[in-house]
Amino acid sequence: MISIRPGVRADIPQAFALVTELAVYEKAADQVTNTAQQMADDGFGTNPLFGFLVAEDSDTNQIVGMALYYFRYSTWKGKRLYLEDIIVTESYRGYGIGKLLFDATIDTAHETHCTGMMWQVLDWNAPAIGFYQQFGTRFDDGWTNCHLDF
């Protein structure tokens, strides 16, 4: 039995393990500079920078998936929920957990009065693209991601 609930500070070590698993899957493990402690500080300080939902296996009390999000503001659209990552551990994929997390994230966007949701997907990640297509997702062309690292 899988339950979806808001993440709490005590979930951070398991959530960070999922982040690490995702980085390995995306062939970018060497790019992770964040830590579980930093996530705890950033998510549960005076002004939390993100929220997250967890998928928990009630038989094992293990977190097997998560959706991490934050709010951004669009001058054209207003308040938007930005889904940073949705992750399901490999051994639990294919059981509908990603859909449960995605639906719960959509609910969070509605509950917090967002005008919509945004996220990115790697162009080579066919399973993820297929997953998002079932929701009627609009994929943008013509935008290039830009970054400054400090």
Protein backbone atom coordinates (compact mmCIF):
# COMPACT_ATOMS: atom_id res chain seq x y z
CA MET A 1 0.00 0.00 0.00
CA ILE A 2 1.40 3.38 -1.06
CA SER A 3 0.34 6.61 0.60
CA ILE A 4 1.12 10.13 -0.57
CA ARG A 5 1.73 12.78 2.07
CA PRO A 6 3.62 16.05 2.55
CA GLY A 7 7.30 15.54 3.29
CA VAL A 8 8.64 16.38 6.73
CA ARG A 9 12.16 17.16 7.92
CA ALA A 10 12.72 13.55 9.04
CA ASP A 11 12.14 12.42 5.43
CA ILE A 12 15.09 14.38 4.06
CA PRO A 13 17.71 11.58 4.26
CA GLN A 14 15.50 9.20 2.25
CA ALA A 15 14.49 12.02 -0.12
CA PHE A 16 18.13 12.91 -0.72
CA ALA A 17 18.86 9.25 -1.49
CA LEU A 18 16.21 9.49 -4.24
CA VAL A 19 17.87 12.65 -5.57
CA THR A 20 21.17 10.77 -5.75
CA GLU A 21 19.47 7.85 -7.51
CA LEU A 22 18.00 10.25 -10.08
CA ALA A 23 21.39 11.87 -10.70
CA VAL A 24 22.89 8.44 -11.39
CA TYR A 25 20.01 7.62 -13.77
CA GLU A 26 20.56 10.90 -15.61
CA LYS A 27 24.31 10.18 -15.83
CA ALA A 28 25.09 13.29 -13.77
CA ALA A 29 26.00 12.01 -10.30
CA ASP A 30 29.16 14.13 -10.32
CA GLN A 31 27.03 17.28 -10.62
CA VAL A 32 25.24 16.90 -7.27
CA THR A 33 26.70 19.42 -4.85
CA ASN A 34 23.69 19.64 -2.54
CA THR A 35 23.59 17.71 0.75
CA ALA A 36 20.83 16.27 2.91
CA GLN A 37 21.69 18.85 5.58
CA GLN A 38 21.40 21.71 3.10
CA MET A 39 18.05 20.35 1.91
CA ALA A 40 16.82 20.21 5.51
CA ASP A 41 17.98 23.78 6.14
CA ASP A 42 16.47 25.08 2.90
CA GLY A 43 13.16 23.23 3.21
CA PHE A 44 12.48 23.76 6.89
CA GLY A 45 14.01 27.12 7.78
CA THR A 46 12.21 30.37 8.51
CA ASN A 47 11.35 30.85 4.83
CA PRO A 48 11.19 27.39 3.24
CA LEU A 49 12.45 27.37 -0.34
CA PHE A 50 10.60 24.24 -1.41
CA GLY A 51 7.93 21.75 -0.49
CA PHE A 52 7.77 18.09 -1.30
CA LEU A 53 5.41 15.16 -1.33
CA VAL A 54 6.49 11.62 -0.57
CA ALA A 55 5.20 8.24 -1.63
CA GLU A 56 5.56 5.91 1.33
CA ASP A 57 5.26 2.13 1.34
CA SER A 58 3.12 1.53 4.43
CA ASP A 59 4.42 -2.04 4.80
CA THR A 60 8.06 -0.94 5.13
CA ASN A 61 7.69 2.77 6.05
CA GLN A 62 10.17 3.39 3.23
CA ILE A 63 9.90 6.46 1.02
CA VAL A 64 9.83 5.11 -2.52
CA GLY A 65 9.09 8.31 -4.40
CA MET A 66 8.89 12.04 -4.10
CA ALA A 67 7.84 15.19 -5.91
CA LEU A 68 9.80 18.34 -5.00
CA TYR A 69 8.33 21.69 -5.96
CA TYR A 70 8.58 25.41 -5.35
CA PHE A 71 6.64 28.48 -6.43
CA ARG A 72 7.70 30.91 -9.10
CA TYR A 73 6.07 33.96 -10.55
CA SER A 74 5.36 34.62 -14.20
CA THR A 75 4.70 38.17 -15.34
CA TRP A 76 2.34 36.70 -17.92
CA LYS A 77 0.62 33.98 -15.86
CA GLY A 78 1.05 34.86 -12.16
CA LYS A 79 1.82 32.28 -9.48
CA ARG A 80 3.02 28.95 -10.89
CA LEU A 81 4.08 25.74 -9.21
CA TYR A 82 7.43 24.54 -10.54
CA LEU A 83 7.92 20.78 -10.26
CA GLU A 84 11.67 20.42 -9.83
CA ASP A 85 11.76 16.64 -9.69
CA ILE A 86 9.44 13.69 -9.55
CA ILE A 87 11.32 10.54 -8.62
CA VAL A 88 10.26 6.94 -8.05
CA THR A 89 12.91 4.49 -6.96
CA GLU A 90 13.66 1.97 -9.69
CA SER A 91 12.23 -1.11 -7.97
CA TYR A 92 8.84 0.62 -7.54
CA ARG A 93 8.45 1.98 -11.08
CA GLY A 94 5.54 0.76 -13.16
CA TYR A 95 3.04 0.59 -10.28
CA GLY A 96 1.37 3.97 -10.75
CA ILE A 97 3.32 5.77 -8.02
CA GLY A 98 4.48 8.50 -10.39
CA LYS A 99 0.86 9.19 -11.32
CA LEU A 100 -0.14 9.36 -7.65
CA LEU A 101 2.66 11.87 -7.01
CA PHE A 102 1.88 13.90 -10.12
CA ASP A 103 -1.84 14.04 -9.28
CA ALA A 104 -1.03 15.11 -5.71
CA THR A 105 1.27 17.82 -7.07
CA ILE A 106 -1.52 19.08 -9.33
CA ASP A 107 -3.79 19.14 -6.27
CA THR A 108 -1.15 21.16 -4.39
CA ALA A 109 -1.03 23.67 -7.26
CA HIS A 110 -4.81 24.05 -7.12
CA GLU A 111 -4.88 24.29 -3.30
CA THR A 112 -2.23 27.04 -3.33
CA HIS A 113 -4.06 29.03 -6.04
CA CYS A 114 -1.51 28.58 -8.80
CA THR A 115 -2.44 29.33 -12.40
CA GLY A 116 -0.58 26.26 -13.61
CA MET A 117 2.40 23.98 -13.27
CA MET A 118 5.75 23.89 -15.04
CA TRP A 119 8.67 21.47 -15.20
CA GLN A 120 11.39 20.19 -17.51
CA VAL A 121 12.10 16.79 -18.97
CA LEU A 122 15.24 15.64 -20.71
CA ASP A 123 14.67 15.16 -24.44
CA TRP A 124 16.14 11.63 -24.32
CA ASN A 125 13.93 10.45 -21.44
CA ALA A 126 11.24 8.75 -23.53
CA PRO A 127 9.51 7.04 -20.55
CA ALA A 128 9.07 10.40 -18.77
CA ILE A 129 7.89 12.14 -21.94
CA GLY A 130 5.34 9.38 -22.50
CA PHE A 131 4.21 9.68 -18.89
CA TYR A 132 3.64 13.44 -19.18
CA GLN A 133 1.84 13.12 -22.52
CA GLN A 134 -0.99 11.22 -20.85
CA PHE A 135 -1.86 14.41 -18.93
CA GLY A 136 -2.17 16.53 -22.07
CA THR A 137 1.12 18.31 -21.39
CA ARG A 138 2.21 21.09 -23.74
CA PHE A 139 5.90 20.81 -24.63
CA ASP A 140 7.60 24.12 -25.46
CA ASP A 141 9.87 24.57 -28.45
CA GLY A 142 12.29 27.39 -28.91
CA TRP A 143 13.44 27.84 -25.31
CA THR A 144 16.99 27.19 -24.17
CA ASN A 145 17.83 26.54 -20.53
CA CYS A 146 20.30 29.01 -19.08
CA HIS A 147 22.35 28.68 -15.88
CA LEU A 148 24.84 30.60 -13.82
CA ASP A 149 26.59 28.52 -11.18
CA PHE A 150 28.20 30.19 -8.17
